[in-house]
C-alpha atoms as a PDB file:
ATOM      1  CA  MET A   1     -13.724   2.021 -11.684  1.00  0.00           C
ATOM      2  CA  MET A   2     -12.837   5.282 -13.412  1.00  0.00           C
ATOM      3  CA  LYS A   3      -9.148   5.621 -14.151  1.00  0.00           C
ATOM      4  CA  LYS A   4      -7.387   8.824 -13.241  1.00  0.00           C
ATOM      5  CA  SER A   5      -5.907  10.807 -16.100  1.00  0.00           C
ATOM      6  CA  ASN A   6      -2.233  11.606 -16.482  1.00  0.00           C
ATOM      7  CA  VAL A   7      -3.058  15.255 -15.732  1.00  0.00           C
ATOM      8  CA  GLU A   8      -4.564  14.277 -12.375  1.00  0.00           C
ATOM      9  CA  VAL A   9      -1.551  12.091 -11.626  1.00  0.00           C
ATOM     10  CA  GLU A  10       0.853  14.943 -12.416  1.00  0.00           C
ATOM     11  CA  GLU A  11      -1.197  17.284 -10.199  1.00  0.00           C
ATOM     12  CA  LEU A  12      -1.022  14.736  -7.383  1.00  0.00           C
ATOM     13  CA  ILE A  13       2.737  14.371  -7.824  1.00  0.00           C
ATOM     14  CA  GLY A  14       3.073  18.163  -7.718  1.00  0.00           C
ATOM     15  CA  VAL A  15       1.225  18.358  -4.392  1.00  0.00           C
ATOM     16  CA  LEU A  16       3.140  15.422  -2.931  1.00  0.00           C
ATOM     17  CA  GLU A  17       6.422  16.952  -4.081  1.00  0.00           C
ATOM     18  CA  GLU A  18       5.667  20.213  -2.253  1.00  0.00           C
ATOM     19  CA  ILE A  19       4.938  18.277   0.947  1.00  0.00           C
ATOM     20  CA  ARG A  20       8.026  16.094   0.485  1.00  0.00           C
ATOM     21  CA  LYS A  21      10.355  19.081  -0.030  1.00  0.00           C
ATOM     22  CA  GLU A  22       8.964  20.893   2.997  1.00  0.00           C
ATOM     23  CA  LYS A  23       8.598  18.063   5.498  1.00  0.00           C
ATOM     24  CA  TYR A  24      10.551  15.042   4.232  1.00  0.00           C
ATOM     25  CA  PRO A  25      13.497  16.241   2.126  1.00  0.00           C
ATOM     26  CA  GLU A  26      15.432  13.050   2.906  1.00  0.00           C
ATOM     27  CA  ILE A  27      12.939  11.028   0.857  1.00  0.00           C
ATOM     28  CA  PRO A  28      13.890  11.153  -2.825  1.00  0.00           C
ATOM     29  CA  GLU A  29      11.430  12.593  -5.331  1.00  0.00           C
ATOM     30  CA  THR A  30      11.940   9.489  -7.462  1.00  0.00           C
ATOM     31  CA  LEU A  31      10.486   7.269  -4.722  1.00  0.00           C
ATOM     32  CA  ILE A  32       7.315   9.375  -4.589  1.00  0.00           C
ATOM     33  CA  ARG A  33       7.004   9.288  -8.386  1.00  0.00           C
ATOM     34  CA  GLU A  34       7.525   5.498  -8.442  1.00  0.00           C
ATOM     35  CA  ILE A  35       4.883   4.949  -5.759  1.00  0.00           C
ATOM     36  CA  VAL A  36       2.356   7.146  -7.569  1.00  0.00           C
ATOM     37  CA  ALA A  37       3.165   5.403 -10.872  1.00  0.00           C
ATOM     38  CA  THR A  38       2.658   1.900  -9.473  1.00  0.00           C
ATOM     39  CA  GLU A  39      -0.568   2.930  -7.748  1.00  0.00           C
ATOM     40  CA  PHE A  40      -1.803   4.488 -11.004  1.00  0.00           C
ATOM     41  CA  GLU A  41      -0.811   1.493 -13.132  1.00  0.00           C
ATOM     42  CA  GLN A  42      -2.373  -1.019 -10.725  1.00  0.00           C
ATOM     43  CA  GLN A  43      -5.468   0.932  -9.686  1.00  0.00           C
ATOM     44  CA  ASP A  44      -7.723  -1.930 -10.780  1.00  0.00           C
ATOM     45  CA  ASP A  45      -5.754  -4.439  -8.690  1.00  0.00           C
ATOM     46  CA  ARG A  46      -5.353  -2.955  -5.216  1.00  0.00           C
ATOM     47  CA  ALA A  47      -3.550  -6.010  -3.821  1.00  0.00           C
ATOM     48  CA  GLN A  48      -0.901  -5.820  -6.548  1.00  0.00           C
ATOM     49  CA  ALA A  49      -0.578  -2.052  -6.050  1.00  0.00           C
ATOM     50  CA  ARG A  50       0.057  -2.555  -2.324  1.00  0.00           C
ATOM     51  CA  LYS A  51       2.585  -5.304  -3.026  1.00  0.00           C
ATOM     52  CA  ASN A  52       4.466  -3.146  -5.547  1.00  0.00           C
ATOM     53  CA  THR A  53       4.413  -0.106  -3.249  1.00  0.00           C
ATOM     54  CA  LYS A  54       5.708  -2.147  -0.306  1.00  0.00           C
ATOM     55  CA  LYS A  55       8.522  -3.474  -2.498  1.00  0.00           C
ATOM     56  CA  LEU A  56       9.520   0.083  -3.521  1.00  0.00           C
ATOM     57  CA  ILE A  57       9.544   1.239   0.097  1.00  0.00           C
ATOM     58  CA  ASP A  58      11.427  -1.846   1.293  1.00  0.00           C
ATOM     59  CA  GLU A  59      14.088  -1.303  -1.400  1.00  0.00           C
ATOM     60  CA  PHE A  60      14.434   2.341  -0.367  1.00  0.00           C
ATOM     61  CA  LEU A  61      14.757   1.436   3.322  1.00  0.00           C
ATOM     62  CA  LYS A  62      17.371  -1.237   2.602  1.00  0.00           C
ATOM     63  CA  ASN A  63      19.633   1.413   1.123  1.00  0.00           C
ATOM     64  CA  VAL A  64      19.141   4.123   3.748  1.00  0.00           C
ATOM     65  CA  LYS A  65      21.684   4.799   6.429  1.00  0.00           C
ATOM     66  CA  PRO A  66      19.996   4.878   9.880  1.00  0.00           C
ATOM     67  CA  LYS A  67      20.562   8.601  10.553  1.00  0.00           C
ATOM     68  CA  GLU A  68      18.993   9.602   7.205  1.00  0.00           C
ATOM     69  CA  VAL A  69      15.461   8.600   8.164  1.00  0.00           C
END
């Protein structure tokens, strides 16, 4: 499998950040960056990438007050 370059990852983050700011401002930019980073780092192990991403999201949701989401 061909790995994505850091340039492609930064471009992806840029696009996701525009969408996040416009539609989901309550979701922190850091969460998006962490999800993209774990997916990038684990792109050869999809199961581990999913597990890491789920953990990031679960941690975020644990700390969110109900009216924020």
